[in-house]
Amino acid sequence: MAMKRLLTVAVLLAASSLFAMHKAAADDAAMIKSAESAAPAAVASGAAIYAMDDKGAMRTLREGKNGFWCMPDSPSTPGPDPMCGDANSMEWAMAWVEKKEPPKGKVGFMYMLAGGTDGSNTDPYATKPEEGNNWIETGPHVMIVNAMDLMKGYPTDPKPDTSRPYVMWAGTPYAHLMIPVK
């Protein structure tokens, strides 16, 4: 009788483990699909796919082969925000996340073709609309990051016309050119 119970427990544990592995694989597949929606297929299909946990640690979902990276939509944000970019844009993004100075002389390019989470146009760290933080809505766009001198002449208004190119987070080290694609 004890052997039969032990065997039953072992089968249940194995089934539970297989279910958890299947669920994790399905979750990873969904995150990869979300990440790939940020860029043209020619870029996204060969890009490394990373997912960030709630503590900011990165996990590789797929190795890349073309020098680009993509990340899936973040469930903690109010709108779609999958993104893809080149290596320079990853350095810029990590500097922003870590509140460090972006690397000098490394212009980056990013795609957000599924749209972008609504956010503050003036505060890189705002998490919700508040008085004076100039919350805006963005649609599908591309970004040129870490190109301070190249953005001269583009609007830097706190409440820009988001249907035209403009500078987001003007006056901060993380200022970048937003270029709508629709």
N, C-alpha and C. Protein backbone atom coordinates (compact mmCIF):
# COMPACT_ATOMS: atom_id res chain seq x y z
N MET A 1 0.82 -1.19 0.00
CA MET A 1 0.00 0.00 0.00
C MET A 1 0.86 1.26 0.00
N ALA A 2 1.92 1.27 0.82
CA ALA A 2 2.80 2.43 0.89
C ALA A 2 3.51 2.65 -0.44
N MET A 3 3.89 1.57 -1.08
CA MET A 3 4.56 1.67 -2.37
C MET A 3 3.62 2.27 -3.41
N LYS A 4 2.33 1.87 -3.38
CA LYS A 4 1.35 2.39 -4.32
C LYS A 4 1.16 3.89 -4.10
N ARG A 5 1.08 4.33 -2.82
CA ARG A 5 0.96 5.76 -2.51
C ARG A 5 2.17 6.53 -2.99
N LEU A 6 3.35 5.98 -2.74
CA LEU A 6 4.59 6.63 -3.16
C LEU A 6 4.63 6.76 -4.68
N LEU A 7 4.21 5.74 -5.39
CA LEU A 7 4.16 5.78 -6.84
C LEU A 7 3.15 6.83 -7.32
N THR A 8 1.99 6.91 -6.67
CA THR A 8 0.97 7.91 -7.02
C THR A 8 1.51 9.32 -6.81
N VAL A 9 2.16 9.55 -5.68
CA VAL A 9 2.76 10.87 -5.40
C VAL A 9 3.81 11.20 -6.45
N ALA A 10 4.64 10.24 -6.79
CA ALA A 10 5.68 10.46 -7.80
C ALA A 10 5.06 10.82 -9.15
N VAL A 11 4.00 10.13 -9.54
CA VAL A 11 3.32 10.42 -10.82
C VAL A 11 2.71 11.82 -10.78
N LEU A 12 2.07 12.18 -9.66
CA LEU A 12 1.47 13.51 -9.52
C LEU A 12 2.53 14.61 -9.57
N LEU A 13 3.65 14.38 -8.90
CA LEU A 13 4.74 15.37 -8.93
C LEU A 13 5.29 15.52 -10.35
N ALA A 14 5.48 14.42 -11.04
CA ALA A 14 5.98 14.47 -12.41
C ALA A 14 5.00 15.20 -13.32
N ALA A 15 3.70 14.91 -13.17
CA ALA A 15 2.68 15.57 -13.99
C ALA A 15 2.65 17.06 -13.69
N SER A 16 2.76 17.42 -12.43
CA SER A 16 2.77 18.82 -12.02
C SER A 16 3.98 19.54 -12.61
N SER A 17 5.12 18.88 -12.58
CA SER A 17 6.34 19.45 -13.14
C SER A 17 6.22 19.64 -14.65
N LEU A 18 5.66 18.65 -15.34
CA LEU A 18 5.45 18.76 -16.79
C LEU A 18 4.49 19.89 -17.12
N PHE A 19 3.42 20.02 -16.33
CA PHE A 19 2.46 21.10 -16.53
C PHE A 19 3.14 22.45 -16.36
N ALA A 20 3.95 22.59 -15.31
CA ALA A 20 4.66 23.86 -15.06
C ALA A 20 5.62 24.16 -16.21
N MET A 21 6.32 23.15 -16.71
CA MET A 21 7.25 23.37 -17.83
C MET A 21 6.48 23.75 -19.09
N HIS A 22 5.34 23.11 -19.33
CA HIS A 22 4.53 23.43 -20.51
C HIS A 22 4.00 24.86 -20.40
N LYS A 23 3.53 25.26 -19.21
CA LYS A 23 3.01 26.61 -19.00
C LYS A 23 4.13 27.63 -19.22
N ALA A 24 5.32 27.38 -18.68
CA ALA A 24 6.45 28.29 -18.85
C ALA A 24 6.81 28.42 -20.33
N ALA A 25 6.80 27.31 -21.06
CA ALA A 25 7.10 27.34 -22.50
C ALA A 25 6.03 28.14 -23.25
N ALA A 26 4.76 27.96 -22.87
CA ALA A 26 3.68 28.71 -23.51
C ALA A 26 3.81 30.20 -23.19
N ASP A 27 4.15 30.52 -21.93
CA ASP A 27 4.36 31.92 -21.55
C ASP A 27 5.53 32.52 -22.33
N ASP A 28 6.63 31.77 -22.45
CA ASP A 28 7.79 32.24 -23.22
C ASP A 28 7.42 32.44 -24.68
N ALA A 29 6.65 31.53 -25.26
CA ALA A 29 6.23 31.67 -26.66
C ALA A 29 5.37 32.92 -26.84
N ALA A 30 4.49 33.18 -25.89
CA ALA A 30 3.65 34.39 -25.96
C ALA A 30 4.50 35.65 -25.83
N MET A 31 5.50 35.61 -24.94
CA MET A 31 6.38 36.78 -24.79
C MET A 31 7.21 37.00 -26.04
N ILE A 32 7.68 35.93 -26.67
CA ILE A 32 8.45 36.07 -27.92
C ILE A 32 7.57 36.67 -29.00
N LYS A 33 6.34 36.20 -29.13
CA LYS A 33 5.42 36.75 -30.12
C LYS A 33 5.17 38.23 -29.86
N SER A 34 4.96 38.60 -28.61
CA SER A 34 4.76 40.00 -28.25
C SER A 34 5.99 40.83 -28.62
N ALA A 35 7.16 40.35 -28.26
CA ALA A 35 8.40 41.08 -28.55
C ALA A 35 8.59 41.28 -30.05
N GLU A 36 8.31 40.25 -30.82
CA GLU A 36 8.49 40.34 -32.27
C GLU A 36 7.52 41.32 -32.93
N SER A 37 6.42 41.66 -32.26
CA SER A 37 5.45 42.59 -32.83
C SER A 37 5.97 44.03 -32.86
N ALA A 38 7.09 44.29 -32.21
CA ALA A 38 7.62 45.65 -32.11
C ALA A 38 8.37 46.11 -33.35
N ALA A 39 8.85 45.21 -34.18
CA ALA A 39 9.71 45.58 -35.31
C ALA A 39 9.30 44.82 -36.56
N PRO A 40 9.80 45.27 -37.72
CA PRO A 40 9.53 44.50 -38.95
C PRO A 40 10.06 43.07 -38.80
N ALA A 41 9.40 42.14 -39.44
CA ALA A 41 9.78 40.73 -39.34
C ALA A 41 11.24 40.49 -39.69
N ALA A 42 11.76 41.23 -40.66
CA ALA A 42 13.16 41.05 -41.07
C ALA A 42 14.13 41.34 -39.92
N VAL A 43 13.74 42.21 -39.01
CA VAL A 43 14.56 42.52 -37.83
C VAL A 43 14.21 41.58 -36.68
N ALA A 44 12.92 41.50 -36.36
CA ALA A 44 12.47 40.75 -35.17
C ALA A 44 12.77 39.26 -35.24
N SER A 45 12.70 38.67 -36.42
CA SER A 45 12.88 37.22 -36.53
C SER A 45 14.28 36.77 -36.14
N GLY A 46 15.28 37.62 -36.26
CA GLY A 46 16.65 37.24 -35.90
C GLY A 46 17.15 37.90 -34.64
N ALA A 47 16.29 38.66 -33.97
CA ALA A 47 16.69 39.40 -32.78
C ALA A 47 16.75 38.52 -31.54
N ALA A 48 17.63 38.87 -30.63
CA ALA A 48 17.62 38.25 -29.30
C ALA A 48 16.35 38.72 -28.60
N ILE A 49 15.74 37.84 -27.84
CA ILE A 49 14.53 38.22 -27.11
C ILE A 49 14.84 38.13 -25.62
N TYR A 50 14.61 39.26 -24.92
CA TYR A 50 14.85 39.34 -23.49
C TYR A 50 13.55 39.68 -22.78
N ALA A 51 13.39 39.17 -21.57
CA ALA A 51 12.27 39.54 -20.71
C ALA A 51 12.87 40.04 -19.40
N MET A 52 12.28 41.11 -18.88
CA MET A 52 12.76 41.68 -17.62
C MET A 52 11.75 41.34 -16.52
N ASP A 53 12.27 40.87 -15.38
CA ASP A 53 11.36 40.57 -14.28
C ASP A 53 11.08 41.85 -13.48
N ASP A 54 10.26 41.74 -12.45
CA ASP A 54 9.86 42.92 -11.69
C ASP A 54 10.99 43.54 -10.89
N LYS A 55 12.13 42.87 -10.79
CA LYS A 55 13.30 43.42 -10.10
C LYS A 55 14.32 43.98 -11.09
N GLY A 56 14.00 43.93 -12.40
CA GLY A 56 14.89 44.47 -13.40
C GLY A 56 15.92 43.49 -13.94
N ALA A 57 15.87 42.24 -13.51
CA ALA A 57 16.82 41.24 -14.01
C ALA A 57 16.35 40.75 -15.38
N MET A 58 17.29 40.60 -16.31
CA MET A 58 16.98 40.16 -17.66
C MET A 58 17.13 38.65 -17.79
N ARG A 59 16.23 38.08 -18.57
CA ARG A 59 16.28 36.64 -18.89
C ARG A 59 16.24 36.52 -20.40
N THR A 60 17.10 35.70 -20.95
CA THR A 60 17.12 35.48 -22.40
C THR A 60 16.09 34.43 -22.76
N LEU A 61 15.14 34.80 -23.63
CA LEU A 61 14.15 33.85 -24.12
C LEU A 61 14.61 33.21 -25.42
N ARG A 62 15.43 33.96 -26.18
CA ARG A 62 15.95 33.43 -27.44
C ARG A 62 17.24 34.17 -27.76
N GLU A 63 18.24 33.44 -28.17
CA GLU A 63 19.50 34.04 -28.61
C GLU A 63 19.28 34.74 -29.95
N GLY A 64 20.01 35.80 -30.20
CA GLY A 64 19.88 36.54 -31.45
C GLY A 64 20.98 36.23 -32.43
N LYS A 65 20.74 36.64 -33.68
CA LYS A 65 21.76 36.41 -34.71
C LYS A 65 21.92 37.60 -35.66
N ASN A 66 21.30 38.77 -35.32
CA ASN A 66 21.42 39.90 -36.23
C ASN A 66 21.82 41.21 -35.55
N GLY A 67 22.19 41.17 -34.28
CA GLY A 67 22.62 42.37 -33.58
C GLY A 67 21.50 43.20 -32.98
N PHE A 68 20.25 42.77 -33.16
CA PHE A 68 19.11 43.47 -32.57
C PHE A 68 18.58 42.68 -31.38
N TRP A 69 17.81 43.34 -30.54
CA TRP A 69 17.16 42.73 -29.38
C TRP A 69 15.71 43.18 -29.38
N CYS A 70 14.85 42.40 -28.75
CA CYS A 70 13.45 42.77 -28.57
C CYS A 70 13.02 42.37 -27.17
N MET A 71 12.04 43.11 -26.65
CA MET A 71 11.44 42.79 -25.35
C MET A 71 9.93 42.81 -25.50
N PRO A 72 9.21 41.92 -24.80
CA PRO A 72 7.75 41.87 -24.91
C PRO A 72 7.08 43.02 -24.16
N ASP A 73 5.79 43.15 -24.38
CA ASP A 73 4.96 44.09 -23.65
C ASP A 73 5.12 43.84 -22.16
N SER A 74 5.17 44.92 -21.39
CA SER A 74 5.26 44.78 -19.94
C SER A 74 3.85 44.75 -19.35
N PRO A 75 3.50 43.71 -18.62
CA PRO A 75 2.17 43.63 -18.03
C PRO A 75 1.93 44.69 -16.95
N SER A 76 2.99 45.34 -16.48
CA SER A 76 2.83 46.34 -15.41
C SER A 76 2.51 47.73 -15.95
N THR A 77 2.47 47.89 -17.27
CA THR A 77 2.18 49.19 -17.86
C THR A 77 0.77 49.20 -18.45
N PRO A 78 0.18 50.40 -18.61
CA PRO A 78 -1.22 50.47 -19.03
C PRO A 78 -1.48 50.18 -20.51
N GLY A 79 -0.48 50.22 -21.35
CA GLY A 79 -0.72 50.01 -22.78
C GLY A 79 0.35 49.12 -23.39
N PRO A 80 0.26 48.91 -24.70
CA PRO A 80 1.25 48.04 -25.35
C PRO A 80 2.61 48.73 -25.40
N ASP A 81 3.67 48.01 -25.12
CA ASP A 81 4.99 48.61 -25.20
C ASP A 81 6.11 47.64 -25.55
N PRO A 82 5.85 46.63 -26.41
CA PRO A 82 6.98 45.82 -26.84
C PRO A 82 7.95 46.70 -27.62
N MET A 83 9.23 46.39 -27.55
CA MET A 83 10.22 47.21 -28.23
C MET A 83 11.38 46.37 -28.75
N CYS A 84 12.03 46.90 -29.78
CA CYS A 84 13.22 46.28 -30.36
C CYS A 84 14.23 47.38 -30.62
N GLY A 85 15.49 47.03 -30.61
CA GLY A 85 16.50 48.03 -30.90
C GLY A 85 17.84 47.41 -31.21
N ASP A 86 18.77 48.30 -31.53
CA ASP A 86 20.13 47.86 -31.80
C ASP A 86 20.93 47.84 -30.49
N ALA A 87 22.18 47.44 -30.57
CA ALA A 87 23.01 47.32 -29.35
C ALA A 87 23.18 48.66 -28.65
N ASN A 88 23.36 49.75 -29.41
CA ASN A 88 23.53 51.06 -28.79
C ASN A 88 22.28 51.47 -28.01
N SER A 89 21.11 51.15 -28.55
CA SER A 89 19.88 51.52 -27.85
C SER A 89 19.72 50.72 -26.56
N MET A 90 20.23 49.50 -26.52
CA MET A 90 20.17 48.71 -25.28
C MET A 90 21.04 49.37 -24.22
N GLU A 91 22.22 49.86 -24.60
CA GLU A 91 23.08 50.54 -23.62
C GLU A 91 22.38 51.79 -23.09
N TRP A 92 21.72 52.54 -23.99
CA TRP A 92 20.98 53.73 -23.60
C TRP A 92 19.84 53.35 -22.64
N ALA A 93 19.06 52.31 -23.01
CA ALA A 93 17.92 51.89 -22.19
C ALA A 93 18.37 51.42 -20.81
N MET A 94 19.46 50.68 -20.74
CA MET A 94 19.96 50.21 -19.44
C MET A 94 20.44 51.39 -18.59
N ALA A 95 21.04 52.41 -19.23
CA ALA A 95 21.44 53.61 -18.48
C ALA A 95 20.21 54.29 -17.91
N TRP A 96 19.13 54.38 -18.70
CA TRP A 96 17.88 54.98 -18.23
C TRP A 96 17.32 54.18 -17.06
N VAL A 97 17.21 52.87 -17.21
CA VAL A 97 16.66 52.01 -16.15
C VAL A 97 17.48 52.13 -14.87
N GLU A 98 18.80 52.18 -15.02
CA GLU A 98 19.69 52.23 -13.86
C GLU A 98 19.98 53.65 -13.38
N LYS A 99 19.34 54.65 -14.04
CA LYS A 99 19.51 56.07 -13.69
C LYS A 99 20.98 56.49 -13.76
N LYS A 100 21.63 56.06 -14.84
CA LYS A 100 23.03 56.40 -15.08
C LYS A 100 23.14 57.25 -16.34
N GLU A 101 24.28 57.84 -16.55
CA GLU A 101 24.53 58.64 -17.75
C GLU A 101 24.60 57.70 -18.96
N PRO A 102 23.88 58.03 -20.06
CA PRO A 102 23.97 57.20 -21.26
C PRO A 102 25.39 57.24 -21.84
N PRO A 103 25.79 56.19 -22.55
CA PRO A 103 27.14 56.14 -23.12
C PRO A 103 27.34 57.24 -24.16
N LYS A 104 28.47 57.85 -24.16
CA LYS A 104 28.79 58.94 -25.10
C LYS A 104 29.07 58.39 -26.50
N GLY A 105 28.58 59.12 -27.51
CA GLY A 105 28.91 58.80 -28.89
C GLY A 105 28.28 57.55 -29.46
N LYS A 106 27.20 57.06 -28.86
CA LYS A 106 26.56 55.83 -29.34
C LYS A 106 25.09 56.08 -29.62
N VAL A 107 24.79 56.54 -30.83
CA VAL A 107 23.41 56.78 -31.26
C VAL A 107 22.73 55.43 -31.45
N GLY A 108 21.50 55.31 -30.97
CA GLY A 108 20.77 54.06 -31.09
C GLY A 108 19.44 54.24 -31.80
N PHE A 109 18.91 53.12 -32.29
CA PHE A 109 17.63 53.12 -33.00
C PHE A 109 16.73 52.07 -32.37
N MET A 110 15.46 52.46 -32.13
CA MET A 110 14.50 51.54 -31.52
C MET A 110 13.19 51.55 -32.29
N TYR A 111 12.53 50.40 -32.29
CA TYR A 111 11.19 50.24 -32.88
C TYR A 111 10.18 50.03 -31.75
N MET A 112 9.00 50.64 -31.91
CA MET A 112 7.85 50.34 -31.06
C MET A 112 6.63 50.37 -31.98
N LEU A 113 6.58 49.43 -32.93
CA LEU A 113 5.55 49.43 -33.96
C LEU A 113 4.19 48.97 -33.46
N ALA A 114 4.13 48.40 -32.26
CA ALA A 114 2.83 48.03 -31.67
C ALA A 114 2.28 49.18 -30.83
N GLY A 115 3.00 50.28 -30.80
CA GLY A 115 2.60 51.43 -30.00
C GLY A 115 3.47 51.53 -28.77
N GLY A 116 3.17 52.52 -27.95
CA GLY A 116 3.94 52.73 -26.74
C GLY A 116 3.00 53.01 -25.59
N THR A 117 3.41 52.62 -24.43
CA THR A 117 2.63 52.92 -23.24
C THR A 117 2.54 54.42 -23.09
N ASP A 118 1.39 54.89 -22.74
CA ASP A 118 1.25 56.31 -22.47
C ASP A 118 2.20 56.66 -21.33
N GLY A 119 2.74 57.86 -21.39
CA GLY A 119 3.70 58.23 -20.36
C GLY A 119 3.90 59.72 -20.27
N SER A 120 4.72 60.11 -19.33
CA SER A 120 5.07 61.51 -19.18
C SER A 120 6.04 61.90 -20.28
N ASN A 121 5.80 63.06 -20.87
CA ASN A 121 6.73 63.55 -21.89
C ASN A 121 7.89 64.31 -21.26
N THR A 122 7.84 64.57 -19.96
CA THR A 122 8.88 65.37 -19.33
C THR A 122 9.62 64.66 -18.19
N ASP A 123 9.04 63.62 -17.61
CA ASP A 123 9.65 62.92 -16.48
C ASP A 123 9.91 61.46 -16.86
N PRO A 124 11.17 61.09 -17.09
CA PRO A 124 11.49 59.72 -17.50
C PRO A 124 11.08 58.65 -16.50
N TYR A 125 10.77 59.02 -15.26
CA TYR A 125 10.46 58.02 -14.25
C TYR A 125 9.03 58.10 -13.73
N ALA A 126 8.18 58.92 -14.34
CA ALA A 126 6.78 59.00 -13.92
C ALA A 126 6.08 57.68 -14.23
N THR A 127 5.24 57.23 -13.30
CA THR A 127 4.53 55.96 -13.49
C THR A 127 3.03 56.12 -13.67
N LYS A 128 2.55 57.34 -13.49
CA LYS A 128 1.11 57.60 -13.67
C LYS A 128 0.92 59.09 -13.94
N PRO A 129 -0.22 59.43 -14.54
CA PRO A 129 -0.48 60.85 -14.80
C PRO A 129 -0.64 61.61 -13.49
N GLU A 130 0.07 62.70 -13.38
CA GLU A 130 -0.04 63.58 -12.22
C GLU A 130 0.07 65.02 -12.70
N GLU A 131 -0.36 65.95 -11.87
CA GLU A 131 -0.28 67.37 -12.19
C GLU A 131 1.13 67.74 -12.63
N GLY A 132 1.23 68.29 -13.84
CA GLY A 132 2.50 68.81 -14.32
C GLY A 132 3.46 67.83 -14.96
N ASN A 133 3.11 66.53 -15.04
CA ASN A 133 4.08 65.62 -15.66
C ASN A 133 3.79 65.37 -17.14
N ASN A 134 2.84 66.10 -17.71
CA ASN A 134 2.61 66.12 -19.16
C ASN A 134 2.44 64.74 -19.77
N TRP A 135 1.43 64.02 -19.27
CA TRP A 135 1.12 62.67 -19.74
C TRP A 135 0.64 62.75 -21.19
N ILE A 136 1.18 61.89 -22.05
CA ILE A 136 0.81 61.88 -23.47
C ILE A 136 0.48 60.46 -23.92
N GLU A 137 -0.18 60.37 -25.07
CA GLU A 137 -0.47 59.09 -25.69
C GLU A 137 0.39 58.96 -26.94
N THR A 138 1.00 57.80 -27.11
CA THR A 138 1.81 57.57 -28.30
C THR A 138 1.28 56.35 -29.04
N GLY A 139 1.36 56.39 -30.34
CA GLY A 139 1.00 55.25 -31.16
C GLY A 139 2.26 54.57 -31.66
N PRO A 140 2.15 53.79 -32.71
CA PRO A 140 3.33 53.14 -33.29
C PRO A 140 4.38 54.19 -33.68
N HIS A 141 5.65 53.90 -33.34
CA HIS A 141 6.71 54.87 -33.61
C HIS A 141 8.07 54.19 -33.61
N VAL A 142 9.05 54.94 -34.07
CA VAL A 142 10.46 54.55 -33.93
C VAL A 142 11.13 55.66 -33.14
N MET A 143 12.29 55.36 -32.58
CA MET A 143 13.01 56.34 -31.77
C MET A 143 14.48 56.36 -32.15
N ILE A 144 15.03 57.54 -32.11
CA ILE A 144 16.48 57.71 -32.21
C ILE A 144 16.92 58.19 -30.84
N VAL A 145 17.78 57.41 -30.19
CA VAL A 145 18.18 57.71 -28.82
C VAL A 145 19.66 58.07 -28.77
N ASN A 146 19.99 58.85 -27.75
CA ASN A 146 21.38 59.22 -27.48
C ASN A 146 21.99 60.03 -28.62
N ALA A 147 21.19 60.93 -29.19
CA ALA A 147 21.64 61.75 -30.31
C ALA A 147 21.33 63.23 -30.03
N MET A 148 21.77 63.71 -28.89
CA MET A 148 21.42 65.06 -28.43
C MET A 148 21.63 66.13 -29.50
N ASP A 149 22.80 66.17 -30.10
CA ASP A 149 23.09 67.21 -31.09
C ASP A 149 22.26 67.08 -32.36
N LEU A 150 21.81 65.89 -32.68
CA LEU A 150 21.05 65.66 -33.90
C LEU A 150 19.57 66.01 -33.76
N MET A 151 19.11 66.31 -32.54
CA MET A 151 17.69 66.60 -32.33
C MET A 151 17.37 68.10 -32.40
N LYS A 152 18.38 68.92 -32.59
CA LYS A 152 18.14 70.36 -32.67
C LYS A 152 17.15 70.66 -33.78
N GLY A 153 16.17 71.51 -33.47
CA GLY A 153 15.17 71.89 -34.45
C GLY A 153 13.87 71.12 -34.34
N TYR A 154 13.87 70.01 -33.61
CA TYR A 154 12.63 69.26 -33.41
C TYR A 154 11.90 69.83 -32.19
N PRO A 155 10.56 69.78 -32.19
CA PRO A 155 9.80 70.34 -31.06
C PRO A 155 10.16 69.66 -29.74
N THR A 156 10.28 70.48 -28.70
CA THR A 156 10.57 69.99 -27.35
C THR A 156 9.45 70.37 -26.39
N ASP A 157 8.28 70.66 -26.92
CA ASP A 157 7.13 71.09 -26.12
C ASP A 157 6.75 70.03 -25.10
N PRO A 158 6.34 70.45 -23.89
CA PRO A 158 5.89 69.47 -22.89
C PRO A 158 4.66 68.69 -23.35
N LYS A 159 3.81 69.32 -24.17
CA LYS A 159 2.61 68.64 -24.69
C LYS A 159 2.69 68.68 -26.22
N PRO A 160 3.46 67.79 -26.81
CA PRO A 160 3.70 67.83 -28.26
C PRO A 160 2.53 67.26 -29.07
N ASP A 161 2.58 67.55 -30.36
CA ASP A 161 1.69 66.91 -31.33
C ASP A 161 2.33 65.56 -31.61
N THR A 162 1.76 64.48 -31.07
CA THR A 162 2.39 63.15 -31.19
C THR A 162 2.17 62.52 -32.57
N SER A 163 1.51 63.24 -33.47
CA SER A 163 1.37 62.73 -34.83
C SER A 163 2.55 63.17 -35.70
N ARG A 164 3.46 63.97 -35.11
CA ARG A 164 4.65 64.46 -35.82
C ARG A 164 5.89 64.18 -34.97
N PRO A 165 7.08 64.15 -35.57
CA PRO A 165 8.29 63.93 -34.77
C PRO A 165 8.46 64.99 -33.67
N TYR A 166 8.91 64.55 -32.51
CA TYR A 166 9.15 65.46 -31.38
C TYR A 166 10.18 64.84 -30.44
N VAL A 167 10.72 65.66 -29.56
CA VAL A 167 11.69 65.18 -28.58
C VAL A 167 10.95 64.86 -27.28
N MET A 168 11.13 63.64 -26.83
CA MET A 168 10.56 63.21 -25.54
C MET A 168 11.64 63.33 -24.48
N TRP A 169 11.25 63.72 -23.28
CA TRP A 169 12.14 63.89 -22.13
C TRP A 169 13.23 64.92 -22.38
N ALA A 170 12.86 65.97 -23.15
CA ALA A 170 13.81 67.06 -23.45
C ALA A 170 14.39 67.61 -22.16
N GLY A 171 15.66 67.98 -22.22
CA GLY A 171 16.33 68.55 -21.06
C GLY A 171 16.85 67.53 -20.07
N THR A 172 16.67 66.24 -20.37
CA THR A 172 17.20 65.18 -19.51
C THR A 172 18.27 64.41 -20.30
N PRO A 173 19.10 63.63 -19.63
CA PRO A 173 20.09 62.82 -20.37
C PRO A 173 19.45 61.77 -21.26
N TYR A 174 18.13 61.53 -21.08
CA TYR A 174 17.44 60.48 -21.81
C TYR A 174 16.54 61.03 -22.92
N ALA A 175 16.74 62.30 -23.28
CA ALA A 175 15.98 62.89 -24.38
C ALA A 175 16.17 62.03 -25.62
N HIS A 176 15.09 61.83 -26.37
CA HIS A 176 15.18 61.03 -27.59
C HIS A 176 14.13 61.50 -28.59
N LEU A 177 14.39 61.25 -29.85
CA LEU A 177 13.50 61.67 -30.92
C LEU A 177 12.46 60.60 -31.16
N MET A 178 11.20 61.00 -31.05
CA MET A 178 10.06 60.12 -31.30
C MET A 178 9.57 60.40 -32.70
N ILE A 179 9.44 59.35 -33.53
CA ILE A 179 8.99 59.52 -34.91
C ILE A 179 7.81 58.59 -35.14
N PRO A 180 6.59 59.17 -35.23
CA PRO A 180 5.41 58.32 -35.46
C PRO A 180 5.47 57.68 -36.85
N VAL A 181 4.91 56.48 -36.95
CA VAL A 181 4.92 55.79 -38.25
C VAL A 181 3.52 55.60 -38.82
N LYS A 182 2.49 56.11 -38.17
CA LYS A 182 1.14 56.05 -38.72
C LYS A 182 0.51 57.40 -38.62
